[in-house]
Amino acid sequence: MDSLQLHALPLLHPRPSSPSITQLRFPPPLIPNSRNLNFRSFSAHTGGAAASQDGPFAFEEKIVTAPKDDRGLVLAKETDDFGYLVGFRLLPETGLDEFMSVSHEKSISDVEIPGIKETGGEEPETRVCYSIVFVTAEAAPYSKTGGLADVCGSLPIALAARGHRVMVVTPRYIHGTSADAKFAGAVDLGRRTKVSCFGGAHEVGFFHEYREGVDWVFVDHPSFQRPGNPYGDMFGTFGDNQFRFTLLSHAACEAPLVLPLGGFTYGEKCLFLANDWHASLVPVLLAAKYRPHGVYKDARSILVIHNIAHQGVEPAITYGNLGLPAEWYGALEWVFPNWARTHALDTGEAVNFLKGAVVTADRIVTVSKGYSWEITTGEGGYGLHDILNSRKSILNGITNGIDVTEWDPTCDKHIAFNYSVDDLSGKAKCKFALQQELGLPVRLDCPLIGFIGRLDYQKGIDLIRSAMPELMEADVQFVMLGSGNPIYEDWMRATESTYRDKFRGWVGFNVPISHKITAGCDILLMPSAFEPCGLNQLYAMRYGTIPVVHETGGLRDTVHNFNPFTEEGKAESTGWTFSPLTKESMLTALRYAIQTYKEHKSSWQGLMIRGMTKDYTWVNAATQYEQIIEWAFIDPPYC
């Protein structure tokens, strides 16, 4: 990379009292990790001084031992792999002496170009602190139906621990059950605001709890107070979800302006992290409702896609209810293809919340690198692949972390015996205890395979169902935990009655049992049709349980296929992956795993140790999010 140098030039006729030039002063650079730079200072010869052969105003290069006042300031140019200009680096005055020691013989091409990097063992320093506002439909431990809650319950804490000011805005769900006690620590702020949407002004309130360095803000409205889960009940999905999450988005945009948390508001210069379609109106509101009036002109927004299959699609006629100007209809406009329309008179016109965020957000992030590629394909983009391809330059993937305090085999209170990577004896005891509790024959030599997840097509239940007769012919045991489709729940019960000594099915979800299965099983099976990130395979590896997964999304990123011929000391494998998504390929991977467990104990132990020593903490993920946030503020608002 060539160097571009900016120098402070002397006046043509300097005053006698000012023989030298005052150094230009710039603020410290945003990215102060440049390693190799060329530094030169120049002086001009005028008047009575001896002129050079090139004329009276030619410049003579000096060594950097010139007096301090004569030094110029270097402006280094950086280009990418294709030769395009990507940025500059300024040398601060305070760091000039330090950098002067760098040899000017080194090329500027040696400068490290910033990028998203995993942190490894050391915790990097926070460079700039931001005001960050998470907007989400669920956040653990207050509300949870899946991985979205885990992310929005842990990532804010990790960012706050690194010096950022963090707020999480989520609904205050009141279901009339004992679960409502989770909101006991939240107090009413006494601030009410009116949201104009759906043909009227709807008043919402705010509750607040400060916990682990994070401002947890709960939006209060009667539509969030009903039995069921955040999205539906036993009769199906709530019919007014568009209204409920439109309220959430409007309230989230008002919260930084009106809530004096800790004595002062977050203000307009903040970063909104909009999670999935439920919060996808936030980037649209910033562009259409606030910035035209000079509000939030310095704010930025990042869309985080956890599952692109859910996009918040409703009939086009509902656009007038969203509180957006009519001219912004195109941002949310969605037209279904002919084959997806319900009848001959159906025009296919709709509004798509997630599409609106894709075309207005400043950056887009998915929950794994593999998933960021998959959503740009026709198979994985669910109709949004063309739009996402057009914004591929600002699309990144960051693998989720896990809560290492809750999922820690050395101190887990839910498992029978604790163990660590240095002493694995407790894992065999956990298997013994699990077999006893489930009523299975206690056999440490028999591989115990586990499955934890929803009982639906996405999780590959059809594959397990079709392969179970052949799998039960092998010398294995199988345990499943999950709920979902009643057809699959009935199948689990019937399979348990057929294979009494080999199969156990637990219908429902139970946190202690999920920990016991993760610790007690030898193999965790995840044949997901698609998996944006996946957390169970990360939990399994931390507990020394070997994952066998379909090679998709985050599973591809986090599980490395076992290669028995890898040189000793260079192995990175942590499990088995299979592709394509067929019964035969899944059974083949399982047979390899079973054979390795029974016949190659040293290889099996190596897999366990490598999985347990992997770093999937939220500190690693938070550092990568910081880089995305920094990039978002470098550019002007996209809309």
Foldseek 3Di string as FASTA:
>chain_A
DAWDFDWDADDQDDDPVDPFAAEDADDADLDPQWDADAFWFWYAAHDPDDDDPVDRGDIDTDQVVDDPRRGTWGWTWDDDPVRHTDGIHTDHPVCPVVNSPHDNVDHSVPTDDDDQDFDPPDFDADRDAFEEEEFDAEAPPLADDDDRNQQRPALQLLNLVRPYAYEYEYAQAAAPDPSNCVCVQWAWQPDWDWDQFQPGTAIWTWTWHQDSRYTYIHIDDVVRYHHDHSAPHPVDGDPCLVVVLLVSQVVSVCQQVPRCVVHRGSALQHEYEYEALSNLCNLVCCVFPAVVVPGSQNYAYEYEYAALVDWPKDALVRPRRSPGDPVCSVLFWDADDPVPDDDPPGRRIIGTSNSSNLQFHLAYEYQAQQLLVQCLDPVRVNPCNVSSVVVVVRYGYFHAFGDCVQLAQQDHPLFPHRDALVGLPVLLVLLQVVCVVQVAPRDSLAAEEEEEDEPDVQQPLVLCLVLVVVVVVDRHAYEYEYEYPVVSVVVLVVVCVVCVRHYYYHYDDDVSVLSSCLSNGQEYEGAGQEGQADDSCLSNLLNLRAYEYECHHNVVVQAAADDPPDDPPPDQGQHHYFDDSHNVRSVVRVVVVSCCSNPPVVSSSVNSSNSSPDDRHSSSSSVSVSVSVVVSSVDRRPD
